[in-house]
Amino acid sequence: MTEADLDRAARFEAEARELHRRSRAAATLPASILPRFQALWKEEAAKLLRQRKR
């Protein structure tokens, strides 16, 4: 795993936290769905980047 991969993983995790926050703050259920799925995708991408090390 390169330093760039670690940086990308950290950025994805930060973006996922922000997307989860936006999802919780959404006024309606439909408005909360897209940020939630985007956050889950970012979390999975970060996890896969970190697993490349192994």
PDB file of N, CA and C in Angstrom:
ATOM      1  N   MET A   1       0.855  -1.177   0.000  1.00  0.00           N
ATOM      2  CA  MET A   1       0.000   0.000   0.000  1.00  0.00           C
ATOM      3  C   MET A   1       0.894   1.229   0.000  1.00  0.00           C
ATOM      4  N   THR A   2       0.540   2.126  -0.831  1.00  0.00           N
ATOM      5  CA  THR A   2       1.342   3.346  -0.928  1.00  0.00           C
ATOM      6  C   THR A   2       0.771   4.430  -0.013  1.00  0.00           C
ATOM      7  N   GLU A   3       1.564   5.460   0.142  1.00  0.00           N
ATOM      8  CA  GLU A   3       1.114   6.603   0.936  1.00  0.00           C
ATOM      9  C   GLU A   3      -0.114   7.247   0.303  1.00  0.00           C
ATOM     10  N   ALA A   4      -0.158   7.248  -1.037  1.00  0.00           N
ATOM     11  CA  ALA A   4      -1.306   7.816  -1.751  1.00  0.00           C
ATOM     12  C   ALA A   4      -2.580   7.035  -1.444  1.00  0.00           C
ATOM     13  N   ASP A   5      -2.465   5.702  -1.337  1.00  0.00           N
ATOM     14  CA  ASP A   5      -3.630   4.881  -0.995  1.00  0.00           C
ATOM     15  C   ASP A   5      -4.143   5.213   0.403  1.00  0.00           C
ATOM     16  N   LEU A   6      -3.214   5.411   1.333  1.00  0.00           N
ATOM     17  CA  LEU A   6      -3.615   5.769   2.701  1.00  0.00           C
ATOM     18  C   LEU A   6      -4.296   7.130   2.722  1.00  0.00           C
ATOM     19  N   ASP A   7      -3.766   8.055   1.949  1.00  0.00           N
ATOM     20  CA  ASP A   7      -4.375   9.386   1.866  1.00  0.00           C
ATOM     21  C   ASP A   7      -5.780   9.307   1.268  1.00  0.00           C
ATOM     22  N   ARG A   8      -5.921   8.528   0.206  1.00  0.00           N
ATOM     23  CA  ARG A   8      -7.242   8.371  -0.414  1.00  0.00           C
ATOM     24  C   ARG A   8      -8.219   7.716   0.549  1.00  0.00           C
ATOM     25  N   ALA A   9      -7.765   6.695   1.285  1.00  0.00           N
ATOM     26  CA  ALA A   9      -8.634   6.016   2.245  1.00  0.00           C
ATOM     27  C   ALA A   9      -9.089   6.996   3.324  1.00  0.00           C
ATOM     28  N   ALA A  10      -8.173   7.797   3.819  1.00  0.00           N
ATOM     29  CA  ALA A  10      -8.521   8.780   4.848  1.00  0.00           C
ATOM     30  C   ALA A  10      -9.515   9.807   4.304  1.00  0.00           C
ATOM     31  N   ARG A  11      -9.288  10.242   3.053  1.00  0.00           N
ATOM     32  CA  ARG A  11     -10.212  11.207   2.437  1.00  0.00           C
ATOM     33  C   ARG A  11     -11.599  10.587   2.255  1.00  0.00           C
ATOM     34  N   PHE A  12     -11.647   9.335   1.798  1.00  0.00           N
ATOM     35  CA  PHE A  12     -12.935   8.656   1.632  1.00  0.00           C
ATOM     36  C   PHE A  12     -13.664   8.536   2.968  1.00  0.00           C
ATOM     37  N   GLU A  13     -12.939   8.219   4.027  1.00  0.00           N
ATOM     38  CA  GLU A  13     -13.570   8.098   5.344  1.00  0.00           C
ATOM     39  C   GLU A  13     -14.129   9.437   5.809  1.00  0.00           C
ATOM     40  N   ALA A  14     -13.389  10.515   5.582  1.00  0.00           N
ATOM     41  CA  ALA A  14     -13.868  11.843   5.966  1.00  0.00           C
ATOM     42  C   ALA A  14     -15.111  12.220   5.153  1.00  0.00           C
ATOM     43  N   GLU A  15     -15.077  11.913   3.866  1.00  0.00           N
ATOM     44  CA  GLU A  15     -16.240  12.204   3.023  1.00  0.00           C
ATOM     45  C   GLU A  15     -17.440  11.371   3.471  1.00  0.00           C
ATOM     46  N   ALA A  16     -17.214  10.135   3.859  1.00  0.00           N
ATOM     47  CA  ALA A  16     -18.309   9.273   4.324  1.00  0.00           C
ATOM     48  C   ALA A  16     -18.939   9.848   5.591  1.00  0.00           C
ATOM     49  N   ARG A  17     -18.108  10.340   6.506  1.00  0.00           N
ATOM     50  CA  ARG A  17     -18.655  10.948   7.733  1.00  0.00           C
ATOM     51  C   ARG A  17     -19.540  12.141   7.398  1.00  0.00           C
ATOM     52  N   GLU A  18     -19.086  12.973   6.453  1.00  0.00           N
ATOM     53  CA  GLU A  18     -19.873  14.140   6.047  1.00  0.00           C
ATOM     54  C   GLU A  18     -21.179  13.706   5.379  1.00  0.00           C
ATOM     55  N   LEU A  19     -21.131  12.680   4.554  1.00  0.00           N
ATOM     56  CA  LEU A  19     -22.344  12.193   3.887  1.00  0.00           C
ATOM     57  C   LEU A  19     -23.334  11.610   4.900  1.00  0.00           C
ATOM     58  N   HIS A  20     -22.821  10.895   5.900  1.00  0.00           N
ATOM     59  CA  HIS A  20     -23.704  10.377   6.952  1.00  0.00           C
ATOM     60  C   HIS A  20     -24.364  11.535   7.706  1.00  0.00           C
ATOM     61  N   ARG A  21     -23.590  12.587   7.973  1.00  0.00           N
ATOM     62  CA  ARG A  21     -24.150  13.751   8.664  1.00  0.00           C
ATOM     63  C   ARG A  21     -25.252  14.383   7.829  1.00  0.00           C
ATOM     64  N   ARG A  22     -24.996  14.551   6.524  1.00  0.00           N
ATOM     65  CA  ARG A  22     -26.018  15.121   5.643  1.00  0.00           C
ATOM     66  C   ARG A  22     -27.254  14.232   5.568  1.00  0.00           C
ATOM     67  N   SER A  23     -27.040  12.933   5.569  1.00  0.00           N
ATOM     68  CA  SER A  23     -28.163  11.995   5.510  1.00  0.00           C
ATOM     69  C   SER A  23     -29.041  12.141   6.753  1.00  0.00           C
ATOM     70  N   ARG A  24     -28.411  12.247   7.913  1.00  0.00           N
ATOM     71  CA  ARG A  24     -29.182  12.386   9.161  1.00  0.00           C
ATOM     72  C   ARG A  24     -29.901  13.733   9.221  1.00  0.00           C
ATOM     73  N   ALA A  25     -29.326  14.747   8.585  1.00  0.00           N
ATOM     74  CA  ALA A  25     -29.906  16.088   8.625  1.00  0.00           C
ATOM     75  C   ALA A  25     -31.003  16.289   7.576  1.00  0.00           C
ATOM     76  N   ALA A  26     -31.155  15.361   6.659  1.00  0.00           N
ATOM     77  CA  ALA A  26     -32.143  15.518   5.589  1.00  0.00           C
ATOM     78  C   ALA A  26     -33.554  15.581   6.168  1.00  0.00           C
ATOM     79  N   ALA A  27     -34.363  16.434   5.570  1.00  0.00           N
ATOM     80  CA  ALA A  27     -35.722  16.650   6.074  1.00  0.00           C
ATOM     81  C   ALA A  27     -36.669  15.509   5.715  1.00  0.00           C
ATOM     82  N   THR A  28     -36.377  14.803   4.636  1.00  0.00           N
ATOM     83  CA  THR A  28     -37.274  13.725   4.208  1.00  0.00           C
ATOM     84  C   THR A  28     -36.476  12.454   3.984  1.00  0.00           C
ATOM     85  N   LEU A  29     -37.167  11.339   4.026  1.00  0.00           N
ATOM     86  CA  LEU A  29     -36.512  10.059   3.798  1.00  0.00           C
ATOM     87  C   LEU A  29     -35.878   9.977   2.410  1.00  0.00           C
ATOM     88  N   PRO A  30     -36.601  10.338   1.338  1.00  0.00           N
ATOM     89  CA  PRO A  30     -35.955  10.252   0.023  1.00  0.00           C
ATOM     90  C   PRO A  30     -34.680  11.095  -0.085  1.00  0.00           C
ATOM     91  N   ALA A  31     -34.664  12.225   0.576  1.00  0.00           N
ATOM     92  CA  ALA A  31     -33.483  13.086   0.536  1.00  0.00           C
ATOM     93  C   ALA A  31     -32.314  12.484   1.315  1.00  0.00           C
ATOM     94  N   SER A  32     -32.593  11.552   2.201  1.00  0.00           N
ATOM     95  CA  SER A  32     -31.521  10.962   3.008  1.00  0.00           C
ATOM     96  C   SER A  32     -30.927   9.713   2.368  1.00  0.00           C
ATOM     97  N   ILE A  33     -31.595   9.149   1.383  1.00  0.00           N
ATOM     98  CA  ILE A  33     -31.156   7.867   0.830  1.00  0.00           C
ATOM     99  C   ILE A  33     -29.868   7.993   0.021  1.00  0.00           C
ATOM    100  N   LEU A  34     -29.797   8.951  -0.891  1.00  0.00           N
ATOM    101  CA  LEU A  34     -28.611   9.077  -1.737  1.00  0.00           C
ATOM    102  C   LEU A  34     -27.341   9.338  -0.922  1.00  0.00           C
ATOM    103  N   PRO A  35     -27.335  10.294  -0.001  1.00  0.00           N
ATOM    104  CA  PRO A  35     -26.106  10.487   0.792  1.00  0.00           C
ATOM    105  C   PRO A  35     -25.727   9.239   1.590  1.00  0.00           C
ATOM    106  N   ARG A  36     -26.725   8.495   2.059  1.00  0.00           N
ATOM    107  CA  ARG A  36     -26.424   7.286   2.833  1.00  0.00           C
ATOM    108  C   ARG A  36     -25.709   6.247   1.966  1.00  0.00           C
ATOM    109  N   PHE A  37     -26.199   6.022   0.746  1.00  0.00           N
ATOM    110  CA  PHE A  37     -25.552   5.062  -0.139  1.00  0.00           C
ATOM    111  C   PHE A  37     -24.173   5.544  -0.585  1.00  0.00           C
ATOM    112  N   GLN A  38     -24.038   6.838  -0.808  1.00  0.00           N
ATOM    113  CA  GLN A  38     -22.724   7.382  -1.168  1.00  0.00           C
ATOM    114  C   GLN A  38     -21.741   7.168  -0.015  1.00  0.00           C
ATOM    115  N   ALA A  39     -22.199   7.361   1.206  1.00  0.00           N
ATOM    116  CA  ALA A  39     -21.335   7.168   2.375  1.00  0.00           C
ATOM    117  C   ALA A  39     -20.912   5.709   2.489  1.00  0.00           C
ATOM    118  N   LEU A  40     -21.858   4.804   2.280  1.00  0.00           N
ATOM    119  CA  LEU A  40     -21.518   3.383   2.359  1.00  0.00           C
ATOM    120  C   LEU A  40     -20.500   2.998   1.295  1.00  0.00           C
ATOM    121  N   TRP A  41     -20.657   3.567   0.088  1.00  0.00           N
ATOM    122  CA  TRP A  41     -19.696   3.291  -0.984  1.00  0.00           C
ATOM    123  C   TRP A  41     -18.315   3.804  -0.600  1.00  0.00           C
ATOM    124  N   LYS A  42     -18.250   5.006  -0.059  1.00  0.00           N
ATOM    125  CA  LYS A  42     -16.958   5.585   0.338  1.00  0.00           C
ATOM    126  C   LYS A  42     -16.301   4.751   1.435  1.00  0.00           C
ATOM    127  N   GLU A  43     -17.099   4.285   2.399  1.00  0.00           N
ATOM    128  CA  GLU A  43     -16.551   3.455   3.471  1.00  0.00           C
ATOM    129  C   GLU A  43     -15.987   2.154   2.911  1.00  0.00           C
ATOM    130  N   GLU A  44     -16.710   1.545   1.982  1.00  0.00           N
ATOM    131  CA  GLU A  44     -16.239   0.297   1.385  1.00  0.00           C
ATOM    132  C   GLU A  44     -14.965   0.534   0.573  1.00  0.00           C
ATOM    133  N   ALA A  45     -14.910   1.626  -0.167  1.00  0.00           N
ATOM    134  CA  ALA A  45     -13.717   1.950  -0.945  1.00  0.00           C
ATOM    135  C   ALA A  45     -12.513   2.144  -0.024  1.00  0.00           C
ATOM    136  N   ALA A  46     -12.711   2.829   1.086  1.00  0.00           N
ATOM    137  CA  ALA A  46     -11.625   3.043   2.044  1.00  0.00           C
ATOM    138  C   ALA A  46     -11.164   1.716   2.631  1.00  0.00           C
ATOM    139  N   LYS A  47     -12.117   0.856   2.956  1.00  0.00           N
ATOM    140  CA  LYS A  47     -11.777  -0.449   3.526  1.00  0.00           C
ATOM    141  C   LYS A  47     -10.961  -1.272   2.523  1.00  0.00           C
ATOM    142  N   LEU A  48     -11.366  -1.257   1.262  1.00  0.00           N
ATOM    143  CA  LEU A  48     -10.634  -2.009   0.241  1.00  0.00           C
ATOM    144  C   LEU A  48      -9.232  -1.446   0.022  1.00  0.00           C
ATOM    145  N   LEU A  49      -9.098  -0.129   0.046  1.00  0.00           N
ATOM    146  CA  LEU A  49      -7.771   0.468  -0.093  1.00  0.00           C
ATOM    147  C   LEU A  49      -6.868   0.047   1.053  1.00  0.00           C
ATOM    148  N   ARG A  50      -7.403   0.013   2.249  1.00  0.00           N
ATOM    149  CA  ARG A  50      -6.594  -0.363   3.407  1.00  0.00           C
ATOM    150  C   ARG A  50      -6.249  -1.857   3.388  1.00  0.00           C
ATOM    151  N   GLN A  51      -7.110  -2.690   2.794  1.00  0.00           N
ATOM    152  CA  GLN A  51      -6.842  -4.121   2.725  1.00  0.00           C
ATOM    153  C   GLN A  51      -5.788  -4.461   1.680  1.00  0.00           C
ATOM    154  N   ARG A  52      -5.541  -3.570   0.733  1.00  0.00           N
ATOM    155  CA  ARG A  52      -4.522  -3.810  -0.280  1.00  0.00           C
ATOM    156  C   ARG A  52      -3.169  -4.074   0.343  1.00  0.00           C
ATOM    157  N   LYS A  53      -2.957  -3.543   1.531  1.00  0.00           N
ATOM    158  CA  LYS A  53      -1.681  -3.682   2.218  1.00  0.00           C
ATOM    159  C   LYS A  53      -1.381  -5.142   2.513  1.00  0.00           C
ATOM    160  N   ARG A  54      -2.410  -5.904   2.779  1.00  0.00           N
ATOM    161  CA  ARG A  54      -2.227  -7.299   3.212  1.00  0.00           C
ATOM    162  C   ARG A  54      -1.930  -8.224   2.092  1.00  0.00           C
TER     163      ARG A  54
END
